[in-house]
Amino acid sequence: MSYIRKYRVNAGDIVSTSEFYFKVEGSGGKMLCNLCVGDDGVYYYRAKSQILSPKENKKTRNTFDGFISMENLTQLFEALRKAQLGTAAENGALRIRRERRSVIIELDKQS
């Protein structure tokens, strides 16, 4: 189980954009990553980036390490919904894990 260790909402111009920054900590207490969820999608920052600390500056917030567009996220969750995500997750058949530089989502339909 992962936890949100720290977060910040950057409202900027509330009408046009808002961003939610947070640090994700694994069950062992180790930092997994920093994420920013915005209108365009999800931005990934490596675990040691300074996006939520007093050392933050314009450059650290603009240099993300990965990006998933909202369009791709919508397709992913639509596919998981069609694969009966709710039922599978209740039975423990949905597994999300990190392997090297990838996040792997597995759905075991035989469970």
C-alpha atoms as a PDB file:
ATOM      1  CA  MET A   1       0.000   0.000   0.000  1.00  0.00           C
ATOM      2  CA  SER A   2       1.314   3.437  -0.906  1.00  0.00           C
ATOM      3  CA  TYR A   3       0.671   6.661   0.955  1.00  0.00           C
ATOM      4  CA  ILE A   4       0.651  10.356   0.126  1.00  0.00           C
ATOM      5  CA  ARG A   5       3.379  11.800   2.311  1.00  0.00           C
ATOM      6  CA  LYS A   6       3.060  15.478   1.390  1.00  0.00           C
ATOM      7  CA  TYR A   7       0.918  17.457  -1.017  1.00  0.00           C
ATOM      8  CA  ARG A   8       0.208  20.933  -2.348  1.00  0.00           C
ATOM      9  CA  VAL A   9      -2.512  22.383  -4.533  1.00  0.00           C
ATOM     10  CA  ASN A  10      -1.344  25.072  -6.942  1.00  0.00           C
ATOM     11  CA  ALA A  11      -4.481  26.947  -7.925  1.00  0.00           C
ATOM     12  CA  GLY A  12      -2.791  29.683  -9.964  1.00  0.00           C
ATOM     13  CA  ASP A  13      -5.657  30.844 -12.137  1.00  0.00           C
ATOM     14  CA  ILE A  14      -8.594  28.868 -10.726  1.00  0.00           C
ATOM     15  CA  VAL A  15     -10.674  29.392 -13.861  1.00  0.00           C
ATOM     16  CA  SER A  16      -8.154  28.020 -16.360  1.00  0.00           C
ATOM     17  CA  THR A  17      -5.884  25.581 -14.520  1.00  0.00           C
ATOM     18  CA  SER A  18      -5.148  23.880 -11.232  1.00  0.00           C
ATOM     19  CA  GLU A  19      -2.470  21.364 -10.274  1.00  0.00           C
ATOM     20  CA  PHE A  20      -2.138  18.889  -7.432  1.00  0.00           C
ATOM     21  CA  TYR A  21       1.429  17.949  -6.458  1.00  0.00           C
ATOM     22  CA  PHE A  22       2.156  15.046  -4.106  1.00  0.00           C
ATOM     23  CA  LYS A  23       4.866  12.695  -2.902  1.00  0.00           C
ATOM     24  CA  VAL A  24       4.136   8.959  -2.933  1.00  0.00           C
ATOM     25  CA  GLU A  25       5.690   6.781  -0.241  1.00  0.00           C
ATOM     26  CA  GLY A  26       5.734   2.979  -0.353  1.00  0.00           C
ATOM     27  CA  SER A  27       4.667   0.762   2.537  1.00  0.00           C
ATOM     28  CA  GLY A  28       8.310   0.415   3.622  1.00  0.00           C
ATOM     29  CA  GLY A  29       8.650   4.186   4.055  1.00  0.00           C
ATOM     30  CA  LYS A  30      10.732   4.614   0.886  1.00  0.00           C
ATOM     31  CA  MET A  31       9.836   7.448  -1.470  1.00  0.00           C
ATOM     32  CA  LEU A  32       8.460   6.089  -4.746  1.00  0.00           C
ATOM     33  CA  CYS A  33       7.957   9.261  -6.757  1.00  0.00           C
ATOM     34  CA  ASN A  34       6.539  12.776  -6.959  1.00  0.00           C
ATOM     35  CA  LEU A  35       3.479  13.347  -9.106  1.00  0.00           C
ATOM     36  CA  CYS A  36       1.606  16.334 -10.436  1.00  0.00           C
ATOM     37  CA  VAL A  37      -1.971  15.872 -11.590  1.00  0.00           C
ATOM     38  CA  GLY A  38      -3.136  18.706 -13.821  1.00  0.00           C
ATOM     39  CA  ASP A  39      -5.572  19.452 -16.604  1.00  0.00           C
ATOM     40  CA  ASP A  40      -3.231  17.981 -19.239  1.00  0.00           C
ATOM     41  CA  GLY A  41      -2.551  14.700 -17.433  1.00  0.00           C
ATOM     42  CA  VAL A  42      -0.119  13.267 -14.893  1.00  0.00           C
ATOM     43  CA  TYR A  43       3.491  14.415 -14.642  1.00  0.00           C
ATOM     44  CA  TYR A  44       6.077  12.142 -12.995  1.00  0.00           C
ATOM     45  CA  TYR A  45       9.136  13.473 -11.143  1.00  0.00           C
ATOM     46  CA  ARG A  46      11.899  11.256  -9.728  1.00  0.00           C
ATOM     47  CA  ALA A  47      11.802  10.593  -5.976  1.00  0.00           C
ATOM     48  CA  LYS A  48      14.547  13.083  -5.093  1.00  0.00           C
ATOM     49  CA  SER A  49      13.142  16.050  -7.030  1.00  0.00           C
ATOM     50  CA  GLN A  50      12.430  19.200  -5.017  1.00  0.00           C
ATOM     51  CA  ILE A  51       8.937  20.085  -6.293  1.00  0.00           C
ATOM     52  CA  LEU A  52       7.441  20.235  -2.777  1.00  0.00           C
ATOM     53  CA  SER A  53      10.288  21.698  -0.743  1.00  0.00           C
ATOM     54  CA  PRO A  54      11.598  25.184   0.074  1.00  0.00           C
ATOM     55  CA  LYS A  55      14.285  24.571  -2.601  1.00  0.00           C
ATOM     56  CA  GLU A  56      11.612  24.534  -5.309  1.00  0.00           C
ATOM     57  CA  ASN A  57      12.057  26.941  -8.174  1.00  0.00           C
ATOM     58  CA  LYS A  58      10.618  27.451 -11.643  1.00  0.00           C
ATOM     59  CA  LYS A  59      13.115  25.046 -13.236  1.00  0.00           C
ATOM     60  CA  THR A  60      12.422  22.089 -10.891  1.00  0.00           C
ATOM     61  CA  ARG A  61       8.681  22.273 -11.575  1.00  0.00           C
ATOM     62  CA  ASN A  62       9.110  22.358 -15.364  1.00  0.00           C
ATOM     63  CA  THR A  63      11.566  19.474 -15.694  1.00  0.00           C
ATOM     64  CA  PHE A  64       9.402  16.383 -15.262  1.00  0.00           C
ATOM     65  CA  ASP A  65      10.784  12.899 -15.940  1.00  0.00           C
ATOM     66  CA  GLY A  66       7.667  11.453 -17.545  1.00  0.00           C
ATOM     67  CA  PHE A  67       4.165  12.412 -18.670  1.00  0.00           C
ATOM     68  CA  ILE A  68       0.888  10.567 -19.308  1.00  0.00           C
ATOM     69  CA  SER A  69      -1.700  12.596 -21.190  1.00  0.00           C
ATOM     70  CA  MET A  70      -5.282  12.818 -19.995  1.00  0.00           C
ATOM     71  CA  GLU A  71      -6.345  11.156 -23.263  1.00  0.00           C
ATOM     72  CA  ASN A  72      -4.120   8.123 -22.559  1.00  0.00           C
ATOM     73  CA  LEU A  73      -5.291   7.963 -18.931  1.00  0.00           C
ATOM     74  CA  THR A  74      -8.906   7.990 -20.081  1.00  0.00           C
ATOM     75  CA  GLN A  75      -8.216   5.111 -22.475  1.00  0.00           C
ATOM     76  CA  LEU A  76      -6.394   3.152 -19.758  1.00  0.00           C
ATOM     77  CA  PHE A  77      -9.163   3.467 -17.187  1.00  0.00           C
ATOM     78  CA  GLU A  78     -11.833   2.801 -19.788  1.00  0.00           C
ATOM     79  CA  ALA A  79     -10.038  -0.439 -20.712  1.00  0.00           C
ATOM     80  CA  LEU A  80      -9.727  -1.409 -17.025  1.00  0.00           C
ATOM     81  CA  ARG A  81     -13.420  -0.649 -16.488  1.00  0.00           C
ATOM     82  CA  LYS A  82     -14.372  -2.831 -19.458  1.00  0.00           C
ATOM     83  CA  ALA A  83     -12.226  -5.613 -17.968  1.00  0.00           C
ATOM     84  CA  GLN A  84     -14.382  -5.414 -14.819  1.00  0.00           C
ATOM     85  CA  LEU A  85     -11.808  -3.631 -12.699  1.00  0.00           C
ATOM     86  CA  GLY A  86     -14.111  -3.416  -9.676  1.00  0.00           C
ATOM     87  CA  THR A  87     -14.767  -7.147  -9.454  1.00  0.00           C
ATOM     88  CA  ALA A  88     -11.137  -8.042 -10.120  1.00  0.00           C
ATOM     89  CA  ALA A  89      -9.804  -5.605  -7.534  1.00  0.00           C
ATOM     90  CA  GLU A  90     -12.163  -6.996  -4.870  1.00  0.00           C
ATOM     91  CA  ASN A  91     -10.815 -10.477  -5.529  1.00  0.00           C
ATOM     92  CA  GLY A  92      -7.206  -9.295  -5.345  1.00  0.00           C
ATOM     93  CA  ALA A  93      -6.620  -9.954  -9.034  1.00  0.00           C
ATOM     94  CA  LEU A  94      -5.449  -6.440  -9.956  1.00  0.00           C
ATOM     95  CA  ARG A  95      -1.728  -6.011  -9.358  1.00  0.00           C
ATOM     96  CA  ILE A  96       0.201  -2.778  -9.808  1.00  0.00           C
ATOM     97  CA  ARG A  97       3.967  -2.931  -9.476  1.00  0.00           C
ATOM     98  CA  ARG A  98       7.064  -1.004 -10.431  1.00  0.00           C
ATOM     99  CA  GLU A  99       9.755  -2.793 -12.413  1.00  0.00           C
ATOM    100  CA  ARG A 100      12.853  -0.774 -13.264  1.00  0.00           C
ATOM    101  CA  ARG A 101      11.555   2.313 -15.070  1.00  0.00           C
ATOM    102  CA  SER A 102       8.035   1.004 -15.726  1.00  0.00           C
ATOM    103  CA  VAL A 103       4.765   0.681 -13.872  1.00  0.00           C
ATOM    104  CA  ILE A 104       3.027  -2.595 -14.675  1.00  0.00           C
ATOM    105  CA  ILE A 105      -0.722  -3.102 -14.200  1.00  0.00           C
ATOM    106  CA  GLU A 106      -1.771  -6.757 -14.372  1.00  0.00           C
ATOM    107  CA  LEU A 107      -5.312  -8.073 -14.363  1.00  0.00           C
ATOM    108  CA  ASP A 108      -5.558 -11.816 -13.635  1.00  0.00           C
ATOM    109  CA  LYS A 109      -8.942 -12.873 -15.011  1.00  0.00           C
ATOM    110  CA  GLN A 110      -8.600 -16.448 -13.700  1.00  0.00           C
ATOM    111  CA  SER A 111      -8.910 -15.432 -10.020  1.00  0.00           C
END
